[in-house]
Every structure is written in C-alpha cells, then in structure tokens.
mmCIF file of all heavy atoms, coordinates in Angstrom:
data_MODEL
# 
_entry.id   MODEL 
# 
loop_
_atom_site.group_PDB 
_atom_site.id 
_atom_site.type_symbol 
_atom_site.label_atom_id 
_atom_site.label_alt_id 
_atom_site.label_comp_id 
_atom_site.label_asym_id 
_atom_site.label_entity_id 
_atom_site.label_seq_id 
_atom_site.pdbx_PDB_ins_code 
_atom_site.Cartn_x 
_atom_site.Cartn_y 
_atom_site.Cartn_z 
_atom_site.occupancy 
_atom_site.B_iso_or_equiv 
_atom_site.pdbx_formal_charge 
_atom_site.auth_seq_id 
_atom_site.auth_comp_id 
_atom_site.auth_asym_id 
_atom_site.auth_atom_id 
_atom_site.pdbx_PDB_model_num 
ATOM 1   N N   . LYS A 1 1  ? -37.909 160.038 -23.929 1.00 0.00 ? 1  LYS A N   1 
ATOM 2   C CA  . LYS A 1 1  ? -38.523 161.028 -24.695 1.00 0.00 ? 1  LYS A CA  1 
ATOM 3   C C   . LYS A 1 1  ? -39.994 161.104 -24.673 1.00 0.00 ? 1  LYS A C   1 
ATOM 4   O O   . LYS A 1 1  ? -40.592 162.150 -24.494 1.00 0.00 ? 1  LYS A O   1 
ATOM 5   C CB  . LYS A 1 1  ? -38.053 160.932 -26.195 1.00 0.00 ? 1  LYS A CB  1 
ATOM 6   C CG  . LYS A 1 1  ? -36.533 161.193 -26.465 1.00 0.00 ? 1  LYS A CG  1 
ATOM 7   C CD  . LYS A 1 1  ? -36.208 161.097 -27.920 1.00 0.00 ? 1  LYS A CD  1 
ATOM 8   C CE  . LYS A 1 1  ? -34.669 161.330 -28.149 1.00 0.00 ? 1  LYS A CE  1 
ATOM 9   N NZ  . LYS A 1 1  ? -34.344 161.346 -29.498 1.00 0.00 ? 1  LYS A NZ  1 
ATOM 10  N N   . ALA A 1 2  ? -40.579 159.952 -24.402 1.00 0.00 ? 2  ALA A N   1 
ATOM 11  C CA  . ALA A 1 2  ? -41.898 159.867 -24.200 1.00 0.00 ? 2  ALA A CA  1 
ATOM 12  C C   . ALA A 1 2  ? -42.498 160.431 -22.942 1.00 0.00 ? 2  ALA A C   1 
ATOM 13  O O   . ALA A 1 2  ? -43.613 161.001 -22.919 1.00 0.00 ? 2  ALA A O   1 
ATOM 14  C CB  . ALA A 1 2  ? -42.575 158.373 -24.252 1.00 0.00 ? 2  ALA A CB  1 
ATOM 15  N N   . ASN A 1 3  ? -41.601 160.572 -21.945 1.00 0.00 ? 3  ASN A N   1 
ATOM 16  C CA  . ASN A 1 3  ? -41.805 161.245 -20.764 1.00 0.00 ? 3  ASN A CA  1 
ATOM 17  C C   . ASN A 1 3  ? -41.364 162.737 -20.703 1.00 0.00 ? 3  ASN A C   1 
ATOM 18  O O   . ASN A 1 3  ? -41.383 163.243 -19.658 1.00 0.00 ? 3  ASN A O   1 
ATOM 19  C CB  . ASN A 1 3  ? -41.128 160.483 -19.602 1.00 0.00 ? 3  ASN A CB  1 
ATOM 20  C CG  . ASN A 1 3  ? -41.965 159.281 -19.160 1.00 0.00 ? 3  ASN A CG  1 
ATOM 21  O OD1 . ASN A 1 3  ? -42.746 159.439 -18.274 1.00 0.00 ? 3  ASN A OD1 1 
ATOM 22  N ND2 . ASN A 1 3  ? -41.621 158.070 -19.691 1.00 0.00 ? 3  ASN A ND2 1 
ATOM 23  N N   . GLY A 1 4  ? -41.153 163.206 -21.875 1.00 0.00 ? 4  GLY A N   1 
ATOM 24  C CA  . GLY A 1 4  ? -40.905 164.712 -22.020 1.00 0.00 ? 4  GLY A CA  1 
ATOM 25  C C   . GLY A 1 4  ? -39.388 165.233 -21.800 1.00 0.00 ? 4  GLY A C   1 
ATOM 26  O O   . GLY A 1 4  ? -39.398 166.427 -21.582 1.00 0.00 ? 4  GLY A O   1 
ATOM 27  N N   . MET A 1 5  ? -38.547 164.292 -21.705 1.00 0.00 ? 5  MET A N   1 
ATOM 28  C CA  . MET A 1 5  ? -37.103 164.739 -21.385 1.00 0.00 ? 5  MET A CA  1 
ATOM 29  C C   . MET A 1 5  ? -36.228 164.564 -22.486 1.00 0.00 ? 5  MET A C   1 
ATOM 30  O O   . MET A 1 5  ? -36.597 163.832 -23.535 1.00 0.00 ? 5  MET A O   1 
ATOM 31  C CB  . MET A 1 5  ? -36.614 163.849 -20.207 1.00 0.00 ? 5  MET A CB  1 
ATOM 32  C CG  . MET A 1 5  ? -37.315 163.970 -18.921 1.00 0.00 ? 5  MET A CG  1 
ATOM 33  S SD  . MET A 1 5  ? -36.932 162.792 -17.731 1.00 0.00 ? 5  MET A SD  1 
ATOM 34  C CE  . MET A 1 5  ? -37.444 161.315 -18.350 1.00 0.00 ? 5  MET A CE  1 
ATOM 35  N N   . LYS A 1 6  ? -35.103 165.240 -22.508 1.00 0.00 ? 6  LYS A N   1 
ATOM 36  C CA  . LYS A 1 6  ? -34.078 164.989 -23.471 1.00 0.00 ? 6  LYS A CA  1 
ATOM 37  C C   . LYS A 1 6  ? -33.426 163.559 -23.138 1.00 0.00 ? 6  LYS A C   1 
ATOM 38  O O   . LYS A 1 6  ? -33.257 163.319 -21.901 1.00 0.00 ? 6  LYS A O   1 
ATOM 39  C CB  . LYS A 1 6  ? -32.945 166.022 -23.545 1.00 0.00 ? 6  LYS A CB  1 
ATOM 40  C CG  . LYS A 1 6  ? -33.606 167.346 -23.995 1.00 0.00 ? 6  LYS A CG  1 
ATOM 41  C CD  . LYS A 1 6  ? -33.895 167.398 -25.349 1.00 0.00 ? 6  LYS A CD  1 
ATOM 42  C CE  . LYS A 1 6  ? -34.196 168.817 -25.910 1.00 0.00 ? 6  LYS A CE  1 
ATOM 43  N NZ  . LYS A 1 6  ? -34.535 168.909 -27.408 1.00 0.00 ? 6  LYS A NZ  1 
ATOM 44  N N   . ALA A 1 7  ? -33.048 162.775 -24.070 1.00 0.00 ? 7  ALA A N   1 
ATOM 45  C CA  . ALA A 1 7  ? -32.528 161.457 -23.852 1.00 0.00 ? 7  ALA A CA  1 
ATOM 46  C C   . ALA A 1 7  ? -30.924 161.493 -23.980 1.00 0.00 ? 7  ALA A C   1 
ATOM 47  O O   . ALA A 1 7  ? -30.487 161.807 -24.975 1.00 0.00 ? 7  ALA A O   1 
ATOM 48  C CB  . ALA A 1 7  ? -33.101 160.523 -24.837 1.00 0.00 ? 7  ALA A CB  1 
ATOM 49  N N   . GLY A 1 8  ? -30.276 161.062 -22.916 1.00 0.00 ? 8  GLY A N   1 
ATOM 50  C CA  . GLY A 1 8  ? -28.845 160.851 -22.830 1.00 0.00 ? 8  GLY A CA  1 
ATOM 51  C C   . GLY A 1 8  ? -28.327 159.565 -22.680 1.00 0.00 ? 8  GLY A C   1 
ATOM 52  O O   . GLY A 1 8  ? -28.855 158.780 -22.057 1.00 0.00 ? 8  GLY A O   1 
ATOM 53  N N   . VAL A 1 9  ? -27.153 159.315 -23.176 1.00 0.00 ? 9  VAL A N   1 
ATOM 54  C CA  . VAL A 1 9  ? -26.481 157.962 -22.919 1.00 0.00 ? 9  VAL A CA  1 
ATOM 55  C C   . VAL A 1 9  ? -25.081 158.361 -22.346 1.00 0.00 ? 9  VAL A C   1 
ATOM 56  O O   . VAL A 1 9  ? -24.249 159.053 -22.911 1.00 0.00 ? 9  VAL A O   1 
ATOM 57  C CB  . VAL A 1 9  ? -26.208 157.194 -24.282 1.00 0.00 ? 9  VAL A CB  1 
ATOM 58  C CG1 . VAL A 1 9  ? -25.395 155.970 -24.016 1.00 0.00 ? 9  VAL A CG1 1 
ATOM 59  C CG2 . VAL A 1 9  ? -27.537 156.921 -24.985 1.00 0.00 ? 9  VAL A CG2 1 
ATOM 60  N N   . ALA A 1 10 ? -24.793 157.866 -21.235 1.00 0.00 ? 10 ALA A N   1 
ATOM 61  C CA  . ALA A 1 10 ? -23.426 157.936 -20.584 1.00 0.00 ? 10 ALA A CA  1 
ATOM 62  C C   . ALA A 1 10 ? -22.634 156.735 -20.880 1.00 0.00 ? 10 ALA A C   1 
ATOM 63  O O   . ALA A 1 10 ? -23.187 155.568 -20.965 1.00 0.00 ? 10 ALA A O   1 
ATOM 64  C CB  . ALA A 1 10 ? -23.587 158.040 -18.963 1.00 0.00 ? 10 ALA A CB  1 
ATOM 65  N N   . MET A 1 11 ? -21.235 156.925 -21.098 1.00 0.00 ? 11 MET A N   1 
ATOM 66  C CA  . MET A 1 11 ? -20.471 155.795 -21.268 1.00 0.00 ? 11 MET A CA  1 
ATOM 67  C C   . MET A 1 11 ? -19.207 155.852 -20.382 1.00 0.00 ? 11 MET A C   1 
ATOM 68  O O   . MET A 1 11 ? -18.495 156.890 -20.261 1.00 0.00 ? 11 MET A O   1 
ATOM 69  C CB  . MET A 1 11 ? -20.006 155.907 -22.845 1.00 0.00 ? 11 MET A CB  1 
ATOM 70  C CG  . MET A 1 11 ? -21.075 155.943 -23.803 1.00 0.00 ? 11 MET A CG  1 
ATOM 71  S SD  . MET A 1 11 ? -20.578 155.870 -25.458 1.00 0.00 ? 11 MET A SD  1 
ATOM 72  C CE  . MET A 1 11 ? -20.220 154.063 -25.688 1.00 0.00 ? 11 MET A CE  1 
ATOM 73  N N   . ASN A 1 12 ? -18.771 154.615 -19.877 1.00 0.00 ? 12 ASN A N   1 
ATOM 74  C CA  . ASN A 1 12 ? -17.706 154.518 -19.108 1.00 0.00 ? 12 ASN A CA  1 
ATOM 75  C C   . ASN A 1 12 ? -16.424 154.655 -19.968 1.00 0.00 ? 12 ASN A C   1 
ATOM 76  O O   . ASN A 1 12 ? -16.438 154.569 -21.168 1.00 0.00 ? 12 ASN A O   1 
ATOM 77  C CB  . ASN A 1 12 ? -17.690 153.100 -18.339 1.00 0.00 ? 12 ASN A CB  1 
ATOM 78  C CG  . ASN A 1 12 ? -18.541 153.016 -17.209 1.00 0.00 ? 12 ASN A CG  1 
ATOM 79  O OD1 . ASN A 1 12 ? -19.067 154.060 -16.694 1.00 0.00 ? 12 ASN A OD1 1 
ATOM 80  N ND2 . ASN A 1 12 ? -19.031 151.771 -16.861 1.00 0.00 ? 12 ASN A ND2 1 
ATOM 81  N N   . PRO A 1 13 ? -15.279 154.828 -19.136 1.00 0.00 ? 13 PRO A N   1 
ATOM 82  C CA  . PRO A 1 13 ? -14.057 155.214 -19.953 1.00 0.00 ? 13 PRO A CA  1 
ATOM 83  C C   . PRO A 1 13 ? -13.618 154.072 -20.877 1.00 0.00 ? 13 PRO A C   1 
ATOM 84  O O   . PRO A 1 13 ? -13.012 154.321 -21.936 1.00 0.00 ? 13 PRO A O   1 
ATOM 85  C CB  . PRO A 1 13 ? -12.989 155.455 -18.832 1.00 0.00 ? 13 PRO A CB  1 
ATOM 86  C CG  . PRO A 1 13 ? -13.900 155.984 -17.691 1.00 0.00 ? 13 PRO A CG  1 
ATOM 87  C CD  . PRO A 1 13 ? -15.150 155.258 -17.847 1.00 0.00 ? 13 PRO A CD  1 
ATOM 88  N N   . HIS A 1 14 ? -13.803 152.907 -20.543 1.00 0.00 ? 14 HIS A N   1 
ATOM 89  C CA  . HIS A 1 14 ? -13.462 151.683 -21.406 1.00 0.00 ? 14 HIS A CA  1 
ATOM 90  C C   . HIS A 1 14 ? -14.285 151.430 -22.546 1.00 0.00 ? 14 HIS A C   1 
ATOM 91  O O   . HIS A 1 14 ? -14.088 150.540 -23.396 1.00 0.00 ? 14 HIS A O   1 
ATOM 92  C CB  . HIS A 1 14 ? -13.439 150.457 -20.556 1.00 0.00 ? 14 HIS A CB  1 
ATOM 93  C CG  . HIS A 1 14 ? -14.731 149.965 -20.121 1.00 0.00 ? 14 HIS A CG  1 
ATOM 94  N ND1 . HIS A 1 14 ? -15.317 150.391 -18.971 1.00 0.00 ? 14 HIS A ND1 1 
ATOM 95  C CD2 . HIS A 1 14 ? -15.523 148.929 -20.557 1.00 0.00 ? 14 HIS A CD2 1 
ATOM 96  C CE1 . HIS A 1 14 ? -16.506 149.747 -18.858 1.00 0.00 ? 14 HIS A CE1 1 
ATOM 97  N NE2 . HIS A 1 14 ? -16.665 148.857 -19.791 1.00 0.00 ? 14 HIS A NE2 1 
ATOM 98  N N   . THR A 1 15 ? -15.572 152.004 -22.667 1.00 0.00 ? 15 THR A N   1 
ATOM 99  C CA  . THR A 1 15 ? -16.575 151.660 -23.662 1.00 0.00 ? 15 THR A CA  1 
ATOM 100 C C   . THR A 1 15 ? -16.288 152.482 -24.925 1.00 0.00 ? 15 THR A C   1 
ATOM 101 O O   . THR A 1 15 ? -16.181 153.673 -25.022 1.00 0.00 ? 15 THR A O   1 
ATOM 102 C CB  . THR A 1 15 ? -17.978 151.935 -23.141 1.00 0.00 ? 15 THR A CB  1 
ATOM 103 O OG1 . THR A 1 15 ? -18.103 151.382 -21.864 1.00 0.00 ? 15 THR A OG1 1 
ATOM 104 C CG2 . THR A 1 15 ? -19.053 151.540 -24.143 1.00 0.00 ? 15 THR A CG2 1 
ATOM 105 N N   . PRO A 1 16 ? -16.162 151.626 -26.054 1.00 0.00 ? 16 PRO A N   1 
ATOM 106 C CA  . PRO A 1 16 ? -15.924 152.284 -27.324 1.00 0.00 ? 16 PRO A CA  1 
ATOM 107 C C   . PRO A 1 16 ? -16.936 153.217 -27.916 1.00 0.00 ? 16 PRO A C   1 
ATOM 108 O O   . PRO A 1 16 ? -18.113 152.739 -27.819 1.00 0.00 ? 16 PRO A O   1 
ATOM 109 C CB  . PRO A 1 16 ? -15.631 151.105 -28.227 1.00 0.00 ? 16 PRO A CB  1 
ATOM 110 C CG  . PRO A 1 16 ? -15.375 149.973 -27.400 1.00 0.00 ? 16 PRO A CG  1 
ATOM 111 C CD  . PRO A 1 16 ? -16.205 150.277 -26.147 1.00 0.00 ? 16 PRO A CD  1 
ATOM 112 N N   . ILE A 1 17 ? -16.702 154.295 -28.390 1.00 0.00 ? 17 ILE A N   1 
ATOM 113 C CA  . ILE A 1 17 ? -17.727 155.202 -28.955 1.00 0.00 ? 17 ILE A CA  1 
ATOM 114 C C   . ILE A 1 17 ? -18.403 154.609 -30.103 1.00 0.00 ? 17 ILE A C   1 
ATOM 115 O O   . ILE A 1 17 ? -19.556 154.839 -30.339 1.00 0.00 ? 17 ILE A O   1 
ATOM 116 C CB  . ILE A 1 17 ? -16.900 156.465 -29.414 1.00 0.00 ? 17 ILE A CB  1 
ATOM 117 C CG1 . ILE A 1 17 ? -16.460 157.344 -28.269 1.00 0.00 ? 17 ILE A CG1 1 
ATOM 118 C CG2 . ILE A 1 17 ? -17.720 157.340 -30.315 1.00 0.00 ? 17 ILE A CG2 1 
ATOM 119 C CD1 . ILE A 1 17 ? -17.495 157.776 -27.374 1.00 0.00 ? 17 ILE A CD1 1 
ATOM 120 N N   . GLU A 1 18 ? -17.687 153.807 -30.823 1.00 0.00 ? 18 GLU A N   1 
ATOM 121 C CA  . GLU A 1 18 ? -18.288 153.156 -32.087 1.00 0.00 ? 18 GLU A CA  1 
ATOM 122 C C   . GLU A 1 18 ? -19.571 152.481 -31.816 1.00 0.00 ? 18 GLU A C   1 
ATOM 123 O O   . GLU A 1 18 ? -20.441 152.150 -32.650 1.00 0.00 ? 18 GLU A O   1 
ATOM 124 C CB  . GLU A 1 18 ? -17.273 152.180 -32.754 1.00 0.00 ? 18 GLU A CB  1 
ATOM 125 C CG  . GLU A 1 18 ? -16.093 152.970 -33.367 1.00 0.00 ? 18 GLU A CG  1 
ATOM 126 C CD  . GLU A 1 18 ? -15.120 153.371 -32.359 1.00 0.00 ? 18 GLU A CD  1 
ATOM 127 O OE1 . GLU A 1 18 ? -15.175 153.011 -31.208 1.00 0.00 ? 18 GLU A OE1 1 
ATOM 128 O OE2 . GLU A 1 18 ? -14.189 154.157 -32.689 1.00 0.00 ? 18 GLU A OE2 1 
ATOM 129 N N   . LEU A 1 19 ? -19.834 151.952 -30.502 1.00 0.00 ? 19 LEU A N   1 
ATOM 130 C CA  . LEU A 1 19 ? -20.901 151.246 -30.173 1.00 0.00 ? 19 LEU A CA  1 
ATOM 131 C C   . LEU A 1 19 ? -22.254 152.120 -30.300 1.00 0.00 ? 19 LEU A C   1 
ATOM 132 O O   . LEU A 1 19 ? -23.444 151.626 -30.289 1.00 0.00 ? 19 LEU A O   1 
ATOM 133 C CB  . LEU A 1 19 ? -20.836 150.759 -28.735 1.00 0.00 ? 19 LEU A CB  1 
ATOM 134 C CG  . LEU A 1 19 ? -19.810 149.704 -28.543 1.00 0.00 ? 19 LEU A CG  1 
ATOM 135 C CD1 . LEU A 1 19 ? -19.592 149.301 -27.089 1.00 0.00 ? 19 LEU A CD1 1 
ATOM 136 C CD2 . LEU A 1 19 ? -20.109 148.389 -29.297 1.00 0.00 ? 19 LEU A CD2 1 
ATOM 137 N N   . LEU A 1 20 ? -22.092 153.343 -30.388 1.00 0.00 ? 20 LEU A N   1 
ATOM 138 C CA  . LEU A 1 20 ? -23.330 154.390 -30.629 1.00 0.00 ? 20 LEU A CA  1 
ATOM 139 C C   . LEU A 1 20 ? -23.665 154.575 -31.964 1.00 0.00 ? 20 LEU A C   1 
ATOM 140 O O   . LEU A 1 20 ? -24.636 155.310 -32.184 1.00 0.00 ? 20 LEU A O   1 
ATOM 141 C CB  . LEU A 1 20 ? -23.047 155.516 -29.881 1.00 0.00 ? 20 LEU A CB  1 
ATOM 142 C CG  . LEU A 1 20 ? -22.711 155.628 -28.465 1.00 0.00 ? 20 LEU A CG  1 
ATOM 143 C CD1 . LEU A 1 20 ? -22.524 157.047 -27.838 1.00 0.00 ? 20 LEU A CD1 1 
ATOM 144 C CD2 . LEU A 1 20 ? -23.955 154.944 -27.668 1.00 0.00 ? 20 LEU A CD2 1 
ATOM 145 N N   . ALA A 1 21 ? -22.892 153.982 -32.926 1.00 0.00 ? 21 ALA A N   1 
ATOM 146 C CA  . ALA A 1 21 ? -23.135 154.309 -34.299 1.00 0.00 ? 21 ALA A CA  1 
ATOM 147 C C   . ALA A 1 21 ? -24.614 154.144 -34.857 1.00 0.00 ? 21 ALA A C   1 
ATOM 148 O O   . ALA A 1 21 ? -25.073 154.970 -35.673 1.00 0.00 ? 21 ALA A O   1 
ATOM 149 C CB  . ALA A 1 21 ? -22.162 153.594 -35.162 1.00 0.00 ? 21 ALA A CB  1 
ATOM 150 N N   . ASP A 1 22 ? -25.307 153.082 -34.316 1.00 0.00 ? 22 ASP A N   1 
ATOM 151 C CA  . ASP A 1 22 ? -26.665 152.856 -34.794 1.00 0.00 ? 22 ASP A CA  1 
ATOM 152 C C   . ASP A 1 22 ? -27.745 153.680 -34.105 1.00 0.00 ? 22 ASP A C   1 
ATOM 153 O O   . ASP A 1 22 ? -28.887 153.565 -34.394 1.00 0.00 ? 22 ASP A O   1 
ATOM 154 C CB  . ASP A 1 22 ? -26.966 151.402 -34.740 1.00 0.00 ? 22 ASP A CB  1 
ATOM 155 C CG  . ASP A 1 22 ? -26.130 150.530 -35.701 1.00 0.00 ? 22 ASP A CG  1 
ATOM 156 O OD1 . ASP A 1 22 ? -25.856 151.027 -36.773 1.00 0.00 ? 22 ASP A OD1 1 
ATOM 157 O OD2 . ASP A 1 22 ? -25.766 149.369 -35.432 1.00 0.00 ? 22 ASP A OD2 1 
ATOM 158 N N   . LEU A 1 23 ? -27.323 154.449 -33.131 1.00 0.00 ? 23 LEU A N   1 
ATOM 159 C CA  . LEU A 1 23 ? -28.226 155.146 -32.252 1.00 0.00 ? 23 LEU A CA  1 
ATOM 160 C C   . LEU A 1 23 ? -28.046 156.672 -32.175 1.00 0.00 ? 23 LEU A C   1 
ATOM 161 O O   . LEU A 1 23 ? -28.848 157.378 -31.680 1.00 0.00 ? 23 LEU A O   1 
ATOM 162 C CB  . LEU A 1 23 ? -28.200 154.685 -30.854 1.00 0.00 ? 23 LEU A CB  1 
ATOM 163 C CG  . LEU A 1 23 ? -28.753 153.413 -30.569 1.00 0.00 ? 23 LEU A CG  1 
ATOM 164 C CD1 . LEU A 1 23 ? -28.433 152.843 -29.136 1.00 0.00 ? 23 LEU A CD1 1 
ATOM 165 C CD2 . LEU A 1 23 ? -30.330 153.330 -30.658 1.00 0.00 ? 23 LEU A CD2 1 
ATOM 166 N N   . ILE A 1 24 ? -27.002 157.129 -32.794 1.00 0.00 ? 24 ILE A N   1 
ATOM 167 C CA  . ILE A 1 24 ? -26.507 158.560 -32.559 1.00 0.00 ? 24 ILE A CA  1 
ATOM 168 C C   . ILE A 1 24 ? -27.624 159.569 -32.887 1.00 0.00 ? 24 ILE A C   1 
ATOM 169 O O   . ILE A 1 24 ? -27.783 160.579 -32.164 1.00 0.00 ? 24 ILE A O   1 
ATOM 170 C CB  . ILE A 1 24 ? -25.184 158.867 -33.302 1.00 0.00 ? 24 ILE A CB  1 
ATOM 171 C CG1 . ILE A 1 24 ? -24.537 160.099 -32.756 1.00 0.00 ? 24 ILE A CG1 1 
ATOM 172 C CG2 . ILE A 1 24 ? -25.322 158.989 -34.830 1.00 0.00 ? 24 ILE A CG2 1 
ATOM 173 C CD1 . ILE A 1 24 ? -24.010 160.088 -31.142 1.00 0.00 ? 24 ILE A CD1 1 
ATOM 174 N N   . GLU A 1 25 ? -28.464 159.339 -33.915 1.00 0.00 ? 25 GLU A N   1 
ATOM 175 C CA  . GLU A 1 25 ? -29.455 160.242 -34.331 1.00 0.00 ? 25 GLU A CA  1 
ATOM 176 C C   . GLU A 1 25 ? -30.595 160.341 -33.272 1.00 0.00 ? 25 GLU A C   1 
ATOM 177 O O   . GLU A 1 25 ? -31.366 161.256 -33.265 1.00 0.00 ? 25 GLU A O   1 
ATOM 178 C CB  . GLU A 1 25 ? -29.998 159.895 -35.696 1.00 0.00 ? 25 GLU A CB  1 
ATOM 179 C CG  . GLU A 1 25 ? -29.072 160.073 -36.788 1.00 0.00 ? 25 GLU A CG  1 
ATOM 180 C CD  . GLU A 1 25 ? -28.485 158.708 -37.225 1.00 0.00 ? 25 GLU A CD  1 
ATOM 181 O OE1 . GLU A 1 25 ? -28.408 157.814 -36.371 1.00 0.00 ? 25 GLU A OE1 1 
ATOM 182 O OE2 . GLU A 1 25 ? -27.874 158.702 -38.349 1.00 0.00 ? 25 GLU A OE2 1 
ATOM 183 N N   . ASP A 1 26 ? -30.725 159.239 -32.367 1.00 0.00 ? 26 ASP A N   1 
ATOM 184 C CA  . ASP A 1 26 ? -31.747 159.295 -31.250 1.00 0.00 ? 26 ASP A CA  1 
ATOM 185 C C   . ASP A 1 26 ? -31.318 159.775 -29.990 1.00 0.00 ? 26 ASP A C   1 
ATOM 186 O O   . ASP A 1 26 ? -32.093 159.850 -29.145 1.00 0.00 ? 26 ASP A O   1 
ATOM 187 C CB  . ASP A 1 26 ? -32.231 157.819 -31.176 1.00 0.00 ? 26 ASP A CB  1 
ATOM 188 C CG  . ASP A 1 26 ? -32.863 157.195 -32.552 1.00 0.00 ? 26 ASP A CG  1 
ATOM 189 O OD1 . ASP A 1 26 ? -33.712 157.880 -33.107 1.00 0.00 ? 26 ASP A OD1 1 
ATOM 190 O OD2 . ASP A 1 26 ? -32.359 156.036 -32.963 1.00 0.00 ? 26 ASP A OD2 1 
ATOM 191 N N   . ILE A 1 27 ? -29.950 160.148 -29.936 1.00 0.00 ? 27 ILE A N   1 
ATOM 192 C CA  . ILE A 1 27 ? -29.483 160.556 -28.636 1.00 0.00 ? 27 ILE A CA  1 
ATOM 193 C C   . ILE A 1 27 ? -29.320 162.036 -28.631 1.00 0.00 ? 27 ILE A C   1 
ATOM 194 O O   . ILE A 1 27 ? -28.698 162.684 -29.630 1.00 0.00 ? 27 ILE A O   1 
ATOM 195 C CB  . ILE A 1 27 ? -28.107 159.940 -28.490 1.00 0.00 ? 27 ILE A CB  1 
ATOM 196 C CG1 . ILE A 1 27 ? -28.159 158.413 -28.494 1.00 0.00 ? 27 ILE A CG1 1 
ATOM 197 C CG2 . ILE A 1 27 ? -27.493 160.369 -27.050 1.00 0.00 ? 27 ILE A CG2 1 
ATOM 198 C CD1 . ILE A 1 27 ? -26.932 157.680 -28.499 1.00 0.00 ? 27 ILE A CD1 1 
# 
C-alpha cells in the first residue's frame, strides 16, 4: 500500500480461510 498499489493475499487450496481473520480489514 505504501507503494501505491492495492494489497492482495493469495491462498493455496489447502490453506484455511480462517487464517485471514486478523487481517481481513487490511486486505
């Protein structure tokens, strides 16, 4: 974000969605 881009997180098929709970507002 500091470099002027939208910030994305990619997740492999085996990775649980719940791991993003503490970050979702920043993504």
